[in-house]
PDB file of N, CA and C in Angstrom:
ATOM      1  N   UNK A   1      45.395  20.588 -10.171  1.00  0.00           N
ATOM      2  CA  UNK A   1      44.984  19.191 -10.364  1.00  0.00           C
ATOM      3  C   UNK A   1      44.197  18.751  -9.127  1.00  0.00           C
ATOM      4  N   UNK A   2      43.133  18.004  -9.344  1.00  0.00           N
ATOM      5  CA  UNK A   2      42.310  17.541  -8.228  1.00  0.00           C
ATOM      6  C   UNK A   2      42.854  16.234  -7.673  1.00  0.00           C
ATOM      7  N   UNK A   3      42.458  15.958  -6.417  1.00  0.00           N
ATOM      8  CA  UNK A   3      42.855  14.696  -5.789  1.00  0.00           C
ATOM      9  C   UNK A   3      42.121  13.538  -6.438  1.00  0.00           C
ATOM     10  N   UNK A   4      42.775  12.413  -6.586  1.00  0.00           N
ATOM     11  CA  UNK A   4      42.069  11.241  -7.109  1.00  0.00           C
ATOM     12  C   UNK A   4      40.992  10.800  -6.121  1.00  0.00           C
ATOM     13  N   UNK A   5      40.001  10.132  -6.638  1.00  0.00           N
ATOM     14  CA  UNK A   5      38.887   9.671  -5.812  1.00  0.00           C
ATOM     15  C   UNK A   5      39.378   8.853  -4.626  1.00  0.00           C
ATOM     16  N   UNK A   6      40.345   8.033  -4.837  1.00  0.00           N
ATOM     17  CA  UNK A   6      40.837   7.166  -3.762  1.00  0.00           C
ATOM     18  C   UNK A   6      41.374   7.974  -2.585  1.00  0.00           C
ATOM     19  N   UNK A   7      41.827   9.174  -2.844  1.00  0.00           N
ATOM     20  CA  UNK A   7      42.327  10.025  -1.780  1.00  0.00           C
ATOM     21  C   UNK A   7      41.243  10.494  -0.834  1.00  0.00           C
ATOM     22  N   UNK A   8      39.983  10.412  -1.268  1.00  0.00           N
ATOM     23  CA  UNK A   8      38.858  10.843  -0.445  1.00  0.00           C
ATOM     24  C   UNK A   8      38.239   9.707   0.370  1.00  0.00           C
ATOM     25  N   UNK A   9      38.718   8.510   0.169  1.00  0.00           N
ATOM     26  CA  UNK A   9      38.172   7.375   0.911  1.00  0.00           C
ATOM     27  C   UNK A   9      38.749   7.331   2.318  1.00  0.00           C
ATOM     28  N   UNK A  10      37.913   6.960   3.267  1.00  0.00           N
ATOM     29  CA  UNK A  10      38.411   6.832   4.642  1.00  0.00           C
ATOM     30  C   UNK A  10      39.060   5.466   4.802  1.00  0.00           C
ATOM     31  N   UNK A  11      40.072   5.375   5.632  1.00  0.00           N
ATOM     32  CA  UNK A  11      40.756   4.080   5.808  1.00  0.00           C
ATOM     33  C   UNK A  11      39.894   3.097   6.611  1.00  0.00           C
ATOM     34  N   UNK A  12      40.039   1.849   6.301  1.00  0.00           N
ATOM     35  CA  UNK A  12      39.348   0.786   7.027  1.00  0.00           C
ATOM     36  C   UNK A  12      40.355   0.070   7.909  1.00  0.00           C
ATOM     37  N   UNK A  13      39.905  -0.278   9.077  1.00  0.00           N
ATOM     38  CA  UNK A  13      40.774  -0.997  10.002  1.00  0.00           C
ATOM     39  C   UNK A  13      40.109  -2.298  10.424  1.00  0.00           C
ATOM     40  N   UNK A  14      39.748  -3.126   9.467  1.00  0.00           N
ATOM     41  CA  UNK A  14      39.118  -4.403   9.765  1.00  0.00           C
ATOM     42  C   UNK A  14      40.210  -5.437   9.940  1.00  0.00           C
ATOM     43  N   UNK A  15      39.887  -6.419  10.745  1.00  0.00           N
ATOM     44  CA  UNK A  15      40.787  -7.570  10.786  1.00  0.00           C
ATOM     45  C   UNK A  15      40.208  -8.626   9.840  1.00  0.00           C
ATOM     46  N   UNK A  16      40.937  -9.693   9.621  1.00  0.00           N
ATOM     47  CA  UNK A  16      40.481 -10.686   8.644  1.00  0.00           C
ATOM     48  C   UNK A  16      39.194 -11.369   9.088  1.00  0.00           C
ATOM     49  N   UNK A  17      38.991 -11.513  10.384  1.00  0.00           N
ATOM     50  CA  UNK A  17      37.762 -12.127  10.882  1.00  0.00           C
ATOM     51  C   UNK A  17      36.551 -11.243  10.547  1.00  0.00           C
ATOM     52  N   UNK A  18      36.681  -9.949  10.746  1.00  0.00           N
ATOM     53  CA  UNK A  18      35.607  -9.022  10.403  1.00  0.00           C
ATOM     54  C   UNK A  18      35.341  -9.043   8.900  1.00  0.00           C
ATOM     55  N   UNK A  19      36.404  -9.106   8.139  1.00  0.00           N
ATOM     56  CA  UNK A  19      36.278  -9.115   6.691  1.00  0.00           C
ATOM     57  C   UNK A  19      35.511 -10.343   6.207  1.00  0.00           C
ATOM     58  N   UNK A  20      35.841 -11.484   6.735  1.00  0.00           N
ATOM     59  CA  UNK A  20      35.161 -12.727   6.345  1.00  0.00           C
ATOM     60  C   UNK A  20      33.701 -12.696   6.790  1.00  0.00           C
ATOM     61  N   UNK A  21      33.446 -12.231   8.003  1.00  0.00           N
ATOM     62  CA  UNK A  21      32.074 -12.158   8.516  1.00  0.00           C
ATOM     63  C   UNK A  21      31.238 -11.209   7.657  1.00  0.00           C
ATOM     64  N   UNK A  22      31.829 -10.092   7.288  1.00  0.00           N
ATOM     65  CA  UNK A  22      31.138  -9.116   6.446  1.00  0.00           C
ATOM     66  C   UNK A  22      30.789  -9.728   5.087  1.00  0.00           C
ATOM     67  N   UNK A  23      31.748 -10.375   4.465  1.00  0.00           N
ATOM     68  CA  UNK A  23      31.494 -11.005   3.164  1.00  0.00           C
ATOM     69  C   UNK A  23      30.416 -12.079   3.273  1.00  0.00           C
ATOM     70  N   UNK A  24      30.429 -12.844   4.361  1.00  0.00           N
ATOM     71  CA  UNK A  24      29.390 -13.867   4.568  1.00  0.00           C
ATOM     72  C   UNK A  24      28.020 -13.217   4.733  1.00  0.00           C
ATOM     73  N   UNK A  25      27.964 -12.081   5.428  1.00  0.00           N
ATOM     74  CA  UNK A  25      26.693 -11.374   5.597  1.00  0.00           C
ATOM     75  C   UNK A  25      26.189 -10.853   4.255  1.00  0.00           C
ATOM     76  N   UNK A  26      27.095 -10.295   3.452  1.00  0.00           N
ATOM     77  CA  UNK A  26      26.717  -9.797   2.119  1.00  0.00           C
ATOM     78  C   UNK A  26      26.190 -10.950   1.263  1.00  0.00           C
ATOM     79  N   UNK A  27      26.842 -12.097   1.326  1.00  0.00           N
ATOM     80  CA  UNK A  27      26.385 -13.262   0.560  1.00  0.00           C
ATOM     81  C   UNK A  27      25.035 -13.759   1.048  1.00  0.00           C
ATOM     82  N   UNK A  28      24.806 -13.725   2.361  1.00  0.00           N
ATOM     83  CA  UNK A  28      23.522 -14.159   2.911  1.00  0.00           C
ATOM     84  C   UNK A  28      22.397 -13.257   2.414  1.00  0.00           C
ATOM     85  N   UNK A  29      22.646 -11.958   2.418  1.00  0.00           N
ATOM     86  CA  UNK A  29      21.644 -11.029   1.900  1.00  0.00           C
ATOM     87  C   UNK A  29      21.409 -11.304   0.415  1.00  0.00           C
ATOM     88  N   UNK A  30      22.472 -11.501  -0.330  1.00  0.00           N
ATOM     89  CA  UNK A  30      22.350 -11.783  -1.755  1.00  0.00           C
ATOM     90  C   UNK A  30      21.535 -13.037  -2.033  1.00  0.00           C
ATOM     91  N   UNK A  31      21.703 -14.038  -1.206  1.00  0.00           N
ATOM     92  CA  UNK A  31      20.939 -15.278  -1.382  1.00  0.00           C
ATOM     93  C   UNK A  31      19.448 -15.036  -1.159  1.00  0.00           C
ATOM     94  N   UNK A  32      19.114 -14.213  -0.169  1.00  0.00           N
ATOM     95  CA  UNK A  32      17.704 -13.906   0.096  1.00  0.00           C
ATOM     96  C   UNK A  32      17.137 -13.046  -1.034  1.00  0.00           C
ATOM     97  N   UNK A  33      17.906 -12.090  -1.518  1.00  0.00           N
ATOM     98  CA  UNK A  33      17.475 -11.289  -2.670  1.00  0.00           C
ATOM     99  C   UNK A  33      17.184 -12.215  -3.848  1.00  0.00           C
ATOM    100  N   UNK A  34      18.058 -13.169  -4.085  1.00  0.00           N
ATOM    101  CA  UNK A  34      17.851 -14.132  -5.161  1.00  0.00           C
ATOM    102  C   UNK A  34      16.603 -14.974  -4.958  1.00  0.00           C
ATOM    103  N   UNK A  35      16.350 -15.368  -3.718  1.00  0.00           N
ATOM    104  CA  UNK A  35      15.152 -16.163  -3.421  1.00  0.00           C
ATOM    105  C   UNK A  35      13.887 -15.357  -3.707  1.00  0.00           C
ATOM    106  N   UNK A  36      13.878 -14.081  -3.311  1.00  0.00           N
ATOM    107  CA  UNK A  36      12.713 -13.243  -3.616  1.00  0.00           C
ATOM    108  C   UNK A  36      12.558 -13.053  -5.119  1.00  0.00           C
ATOM    109  N   UNK A  37      13.656 -12.890  -5.832  1.00  0.00           N
ATOM    110  CA  UNK A  37      13.583 -12.759  -7.292  1.00  0.00           C
ATOM    111  C   UNK A  37      12.991 -14.023  -7.913  1.00  0.00           C
ATOM    112  N   UNK A  38      13.393 -15.183  -7.406  1.00  0.00           N
ATOM    113  CA  UNK A  38      12.846 -16.444  -7.912  1.00  0.00           C
ATOM    114  C   UNK A  38      11.350 -16.538  -7.628  1.00  0.00           C
ATOM    115  N   UNK A  39      10.935 -16.113  -6.441  1.00  0.00           N
ATOM    116  CA  UNK A  39       9.514 -16.149  -6.100  1.00  0.00           C
ATOM    117  C   UNK A  39       8.714 -15.214  -7.004  1.00  0.00           C
ATOM    118  N   UNK A  40       9.281 -14.060  -7.323  1.00  0.00           N
ATOM    119  CA  UNK A  40       8.613 -13.128  -8.230  1.00  0.00           C
ATOM    120  C   UNK A  40       8.454 -13.773  -9.607  1.00  0.00           C
ATOM    121  N   UNK A  41       9.509 -14.400 -10.083  1.00  0.00           N
ATOM    122  CA  UNK A  41       9.454 -15.052 -11.392  1.00  0.00           C
ATOM    123  C   UNK A  41       8.459 -16.209 -11.392  1.00  0.00           C
ATOM    124  N   UNK A  42       8.436 -16.974 -10.330  1.00  0.00           N
ATOM    125  CA  UNK A  42       7.521 -18.118 -10.237  1.00  0.00           C
ATOM    126  C   UNK A  42       6.062 -17.684 -10.173  1.00  0.00           C
ATOM    127  N   UNK A  43       5.818 -16.521  -9.586  1.00  0.00           N
ATOM    128  CA  UNK A  43       4.439 -16.050  -9.436  1.00  0.00           C
ATOM    129  C   UNK A  43       3.812 -15.709 -10.777  1.00  0.00           C
ATOM    130  N   UNK A  44       4.645 -15.461 -11.763  1.00  0.00           N
ATOM    131  CA  UNK A  44       4.109 -15.100 -13.072  1.00  0.00           C
ATOM    132  C   UNK A  44       3.539 -13.700 -13.048  1.00  0.00           C
ATOM    133  N   UNK A  45       2.482 -13.498 -13.813  1.00  0.00           N
ATOM    134  CA  UNK A  45       1.906 -12.159 -13.902  1.00  0.00           C
ATOM    135  C   UNK A  45       0.390 -12.151 -13.849  1.00  0.00           C
ATOM    136  N   UNK A  46      -0.239 -13.139 -13.237  1.00  0.00           N
ATOM    137  CA  UNK A  46      -1.703 -13.085 -13.177  1.00  0.00           C
ATOM    138  C   UNK A  46      -2.152 -11.991 -12.203  1.00  0.00           C
ATOM    139  N   UNK A  47      -3.294 -11.388 -12.467  1.00  0.00           N
ATOM    140  CA  UNK A  47      -3.785 -10.322 -11.586  1.00  0.00           C
ATOM    141  C   UNK A  47      -3.873 -10.750 -10.115  1.00  0.00           C
ATOM    142  N   UNK A  48      -4.209 -12.001  -9.870  1.00  0.00           N
ATOM    143  CA  UNK A  48      -4.353 -12.481  -8.497  1.00  0.00           C
ATOM    144  C   UNK A  48      -3.028 -12.488  -7.735  1.00  0.00           C
ATOM    145  N   UNK A  49      -1.908 -12.508  -8.437  1.00  0.00           N
ATOM    146  CA  UNK A  49      -0.601 -12.581  -7.784  1.00  0.00           C
ATOM    147  C   UNK A  49       0.034 -11.212  -7.576  1.00  0.00           C
ATOM    148  N   UNK A  50      -0.604 -10.151  -8.016  1.00  0.00           N
ATOM    149  CA  UNK A  50       0.022  -8.826  -7.970  1.00  0.00           C
ATOM    150  C   UNK A  50       0.362  -8.367  -6.553  1.00  0.00           C
ATOM    151  N   UNK A  51      -0.502  -8.641  -5.578  1.00  0.00           N
ATOM    152  CA  UNK A  51      -0.212  -8.246  -4.198  1.00  0.00           C
ATOM    153  C   UNK A  51       0.996  -9.007  -3.652  1.00  0.00           C
ATOM    154  N   UNK A  52       1.045 -10.299  -3.954  1.00  0.00           N
ATOM    155  CA  UNK A  52       2.164 -11.121  -3.511  1.00  0.00           C
ATOM    156  C   UNK A  52       3.465 -10.656  -4.149  1.00  0.00           C
ATOM    157  N   UNK A  53       3.414 -10.368  -5.435  1.00  0.00           N
ATOM    158  CA  UNK A  53       4.596  -9.896  -6.158  1.00  0.00           C
ATOM    159  C   UNK A  53       5.062  -8.556  -5.596  1.00  0.00           C
ATOM    160  N   UNK A  54       4.137  -7.668  -5.316  1.00  0.00           N
ATOM    161  CA  UNK A  54       4.490  -6.354  -4.747  1.00  0.00           C
ATOM    162  C   UNK A  54       5.164  -6.532  -3.390  1.00  0.00           C
ATOM    163  N   UNK A  55       4.679  -7.463  -2.593  1.00  0.00           N
ATOM    164  CA  UNK A  55       5.292  -7.714  -1.279  1.00  0.00           C
ATOM    165  C   UNK A  55       6.698  -8.296  -1.433  1.00  0.00           C
ATOM    166  N   UNK A  56       6.879  -9.234  -2.330  1.00  0.00           N
ATOM    167  CA  UNK A  56       8.220  -9.792  -2.581  1.00  0.00           C
ATOM    168  C   UNK A  56       9.185  -8.699  -3.042  1.00  0.00           C
ATOM    169  N   UNK A  57       8.707  -7.827  -3.896  1.00  0.00           N
ATOM    170  CA  UNK A  57       9.560  -6.731  -4.371  1.00  0.00           C
ATOM    171  C   UNK A  57       9.918  -5.784  -3.230  1.00  0.00           C
ATOM    172  N   UNK A  58       8.957  -5.492  -2.369  1.00  0.00           N
ATOM    173  CA  UNK A  58       9.214  -4.624  -1.218  1.00  0.00           C
ATOM    174  C   UNK A  58      10.258  -5.256  -0.310  1.00  0.00           C
ATOM    175  N   UNK A  59      10.100  -6.550  -0.029  1.00  0.00           N
ATOM    176  CA  UNK A  59      11.050  -7.250   0.832  1.00  0.00           C
ATOM    177  C   UNK A  59      12.438  -7.328   0.189  1.00  0.00           C
ATOM    178  N   UNK A  60      12.471  -7.550  -1.103  1.00  0.00           N
ATOM    179  CA  UNK A  60      13.749  -7.602  -1.824  1.00  0.00           C
ATOM    180  C   UNK A  60      14.461  -6.249  -1.761  1.00  0.00           C
ATOM    181  N   UNK A  61      13.714  -5.180  -1.951  1.00  0.00           N
ATOM    182  CA  UNK A  61      14.288  -3.835  -1.868  1.00  0.00           C
ATOM    183  C   UNK A  61      14.815  -3.551  -0.469  1.00  0.00           C
ATOM    184  N   UNK A  62      14.087  -3.973   0.551  1.00  0.00           N
ATOM    185  CA  UNK A  62      14.552  -3.781   1.933  1.00  0.00           C
ATOM    186  C   UNK A  62      15.875  -4.516   2.162  1.00  0.00           C
ATOM    187  N   UNK A  63      15.996  -5.696   1.605  1.00  0.00           N
ATOM    188  CA  UNK A  63      17.256  -6.451   1.707  1.00  0.00           C
ATOM    189  C   UNK A  63      18.394  -5.685   1.040  1.00  0.00           C
ATOM    190  N   UNK A  64      18.139  -5.174  -0.140  1.00  0.00           N
ATOM    191  CA  UNK A  64      19.163  -4.438  -0.881  1.00  0.00           C
ATOM    192  C   UNK A  64      19.591  -3.177  -0.128  1.00  0.00           C
ATOM    193  N   UNK A  65      18.643  -2.519   0.515  1.00  0.00           N
ATOM    194  CA  UNK A  65      18.969  -1.333   1.302  1.00  0.00           C
ATOM    195  C   UNK A  65      19.805  -1.703   2.526  1.00  0.00           C
ATOM    196  N   UNK A  66      19.471  -2.813   3.154  1.00  0.00           N
ATOM    197  CA  UNK A  66      20.268  -3.249   4.303  1.00  0.00           C
ATOM    198  C   UNK A  66      21.683  -3.613   3.865  1.00  0.00           C
ATOM    199  N   UNK A  67      21.807  -4.227   2.703  1.00  0.00           N
ATOM    200  CA  UNK A  67      23.126  -4.582   2.178  1.00  0.00           C
ATOM    201  C   UNK A  67      23.960  -3.317   1.953  1.00  0.00           C
ATOM    202  N   UNK A  68      23.352  -2.278   1.402  1.00  0.00           N
ATOM    203  CA  UNK A  68      24.072  -1.021   1.162  1.00  0.00           C
ATOM    204  C   UNK A  68      24.523  -0.369   2.464  1.00  0.00           C
ATOM    205  N   UNK A  69      23.725  -0.502   3.506  1.00  0.00           N
ATOM    206  CA  UNK A  69      24.023   0.153   4.782  1.00  0.00           C
ATOM    207  C   UNK A  69      25.001  -0.632   5.656  1.00  0.00           C
ATOM    208  N   UNK A  70      25.219  -1.887   5.346  1.00  0.00           N
ATOM    209  CA  UNK A  70      26.060  -2.742   6.185  1.00  0.00           C
ATOM    210  C   UNK A  70      27.513  -2.278   6.146  1.00  0.00           C
ATOM    211  N   UNK A  71      28.148  -2.242   7.304  1.00  0.00           N
ATOM    212  CA  UNK A  71      29.548  -1.836   7.429  1.00  0.00           C
ATOM    213  C   UNK A  71      30.339  -2.924   8.129  1.00  0.00           C
ATOM    214  N   UNK A  72      31.469  -3.271   7.573  1.00  0.00           N
ATOM    215  CA  UNK A  72      32.292  -4.371   8.104  1.00  0.00           C
ATOM    216  C   UNK A  72      32.719  -4.131   9.530  1.00  0.00           C
ATOM    217  N   UNK A  73      32.941  -2.879   9.893  1.00  0.00           N
ATOM    218  CA  UNK A  73      33.420  -2.593  11.245  1.00  0.00           C
ATOM    219  C   UNK A  73      32.316  -2.673  12.305  1.00  0.00           C
ATOM    220  N   UNK A  74      31.068  -2.788  11.881  1.00  0.00           N
ATOM    221  CA  UNK A  74      29.938  -2.928  12.808  1.00  0.00           C
ATOM    222  C   UNK A  74      29.719  -4.418  13.094  1.00  0.00           C
ATOM    223  N   UNK A  75      30.584  -4.971  13.907  1.00  0.00           N
ATOM    224  CA  UNK A  75      30.629  -6.412  14.158  1.00  0.00           C
ATOM    225  C   UNK A  75      29.299  -6.978  14.650  1.00  0.00           C
ATOM    226  N   UNK A  76      28.645  -6.267  15.559  1.00  0.00           N
ATOM    227  CA  UNK A  76      27.371  -6.764  16.095  1.00  0.00           C
ATOM    228  C   UNK A  76      26.293  -6.824  15.020  1.00  0.00           C
ATOM    229  N   UNK A  77      26.207  -5.800  14.206  1.00  0.00           N
ATOM    230  CA  UNK A  77      25.202  -5.781  13.144  1.00  0.00           C
ATOM    231  C   UNK A  77      25.504  -6.834  12.079  1.00  0.00           C
ATOM    232  N   UNK A  78      26.767  -7.010  11.756  1.00  0.00           N
ATOM    233  CA  UNK A  78      27.157  -8.040  10.783  1.00  0.00           C
ATOM    234  C   UNK A  78      26.717  -9.413  11.287  1.00  0.00           C
ATOM    235  N   UNK A  79      26.952  -9.691  12.566  1.00  0.00           N
ATOM    236  CA  UNK A  79      26.539 -10.983  13.141  1.00  0.00           C
ATOM    237  C   UNK A  79      25.023 -11.136  13.105  1.00  0.00           C
ATOM    238  N   UNK A  80      24.301 -10.057  13.419  1.00  0.00           N
ATOM    239  CA  UNK A  80      22.834 -10.096  13.380  1.00  0.00           C
ATOM    240  C   UNK A  80      22.344 -10.368  11.966  1.00  0.00           C
ATOM    241  N   UNK A  81      22.928  -9.674  10.995  1.00  0.00           N
ATOM    242  CA  UNK A  81      22.521  -9.846   9.600  1.00  0.00           C
ATOM    243  C   UNK A  81      22.781 -11.277   9.145  1.00  0.00           C
ATOM    244  N   UNK A  82      23.947 -11.809   9.469  1.00  0.00           N
ATOM    245  CA  UNK A  82      24.254 -13.194   9.066  1.00  0.00           C
ATOM    246  C   UNK A  82      23.224 -14.165   9.620  1.00  0.00           C
ATOM    247  N   UNK A  83      22.905 -14.039  10.891  1.00  0.00           N
ATOM    248  CA  UNK A  83      21.949 -14.957  11.515  1.00  0.00           C
ATOM    249  C   UNK A  83      20.538 -14.758  10.962  1.00  0.00           C
ATOM    250  N   UNK A  84      20.127 -13.514  10.846  1.00  0.00           N
ATOM    251  CA  UNK A  84      18.773 -13.212  10.373  1.00  0.00           C
ATOM    252  C   UNK A  84      18.558 -13.692   8.943  1.00  0.00           C
ATOM    253  N   UNK A  85      19.517 -13.407   8.082  1.00  0.00           N
ATOM    254  CA  UNK A  85      19.344 -13.763   6.673  1.00  0.00           C
ATOM    255  C   UNK A  85      19.523 -15.257   6.427  1.00  0.00           C
ATOM    256  N   UNK A  86      20.356 -15.912   7.205  1.00  0.00           N
ATOM    257  CA  UNK A  86      20.459 -17.370   7.085  1.00  0.00           C
ATOM    258  C   UNK A  86      19.124 -18.013   7.457  1.00  0.00           C
ATOM    259  N   UNK A  87      18.510 -17.516   8.530  1.00  0.00           N
ATOM    260  CA  UNK A  87      17.212 -18.047   8.955  1.00  0.00           C
ATOM    261  C   UNK A  87      16.124 -17.733   7.926  1.00  0.00           C
ATOM    262  N   UNK A  88      16.155 -16.519   7.384  1.00  0.00           N
ATOM    263  CA  UNK A  88      15.153 -16.144   6.386  1.00  0.00           C
ATOM    264  C   UNK A  88      15.287 -16.998   5.128  1.00  0.00           C
ATOM    265  N   UNK A  89      16.515 -17.247   4.711  1.00  0.00           N
ATOM    266  CA  UNK A  89      16.723 -18.092   3.528  1.00  0.00           C
ATOM    267  C   UNK A  89      16.213 -19.503   3.771  1.00  0.00           C
ATOM    268  N   UNK A  90      16.507 -20.067   4.949  1.00  0.00           N
ATOM    269  CA  UNK A  90      15.992 -21.409   5.270  1.00  0.00           C
ATOM    270  C   UNK A  90      14.461 -21.419   5.203  1.00  0.00           C
ATOM    271  N   UNK A  91      13.845 -20.404   5.776  1.00  0.00           N
ATOM    272  CA  UNK A  91      12.392 -20.317   5.773  1.00  0.00           C
ATOM    273  C   UNK A  91      11.849 -20.210   4.346  1.00  0.00           C
ATOM    274  N   UNK A  92      12.467 -19.376   3.535  1.00  0.00           N
ATOM    275  CA  UNK A  92      12.009 -19.229   2.152  1.00  0.00           C
ATOM    276  C   UNK A  92      12.172 -20.519   1.365  1.00  0.00           C
ATOM    277  N   UNK A  93      13.254 -21.224   1.614  1.00  0.00           N
ATOM    278  CA  UNK A  93      13.502 -22.486   0.911  1.00  0.00           C
ATOM    279  C   UNK A  93      12.528 -23.570   1.358  1.00  0.00           C
ATOM    280  N   UNK A  94      12.183 -23.571   2.633  1.00  0.00           N
ATOM    281  CA  UNK A  94      11.278 -24.596   3.163  1.00  0.00           C
ATOM    282  C   UNK A  94       9.829 -24.351   2.763  1.00  0.00           C
ATOM    283  N   UNK A  95       9.414 -23.083   2.810  1.00  0.00           N
ATOM    284  CA  UNK A  95       8.001 -22.784   2.575  1.00  0.00           C
ATOM    285  C   UNK A  95       7.709 -22.310   1.152  1.00  0.00           C
ATOM    286  N   UNK A  96       8.733 -21.882   0.452  1.00  0.00           N
ATOM    287  CA  UNK A  96       8.505 -21.364  -0.888  1.00  0.00           C
ATOM    288  C   UNK A  96       7.923 -19.975  -0.870  1.00  0.00           C
ATOM    289  N   UNK A  97       7.871 -19.357   0.299  1.00  0.00           N
ATOM    290  CA  UNK A  97       7.429 -17.953   0.414  1.00  0.00           C
ATOM    291  C   UNK A  97       7.643 -17.477   1.792  1.00  0.00           C
TER     292      UNK A  97
END
């Protein structure tokens, strides 16, 4: 019989503060991903908007990749992500792009 998948997972040793910070960082990234998705939808599909849409998609994908790479135990990176994405979301909301 093989080991269950859970047996192959490494243990996490986060404290509750790290856990909350990590979840906030994940939510911040998600909000920016959502903002880029909204901008893509708003741009429509005219030929003139294709470059802008491609850039929004590239930026959205970069956000998703950063979200996948984020680790709760990397406290410094979690703090950087929270600050960076909060600022990016404010900028996107203020300028619409």
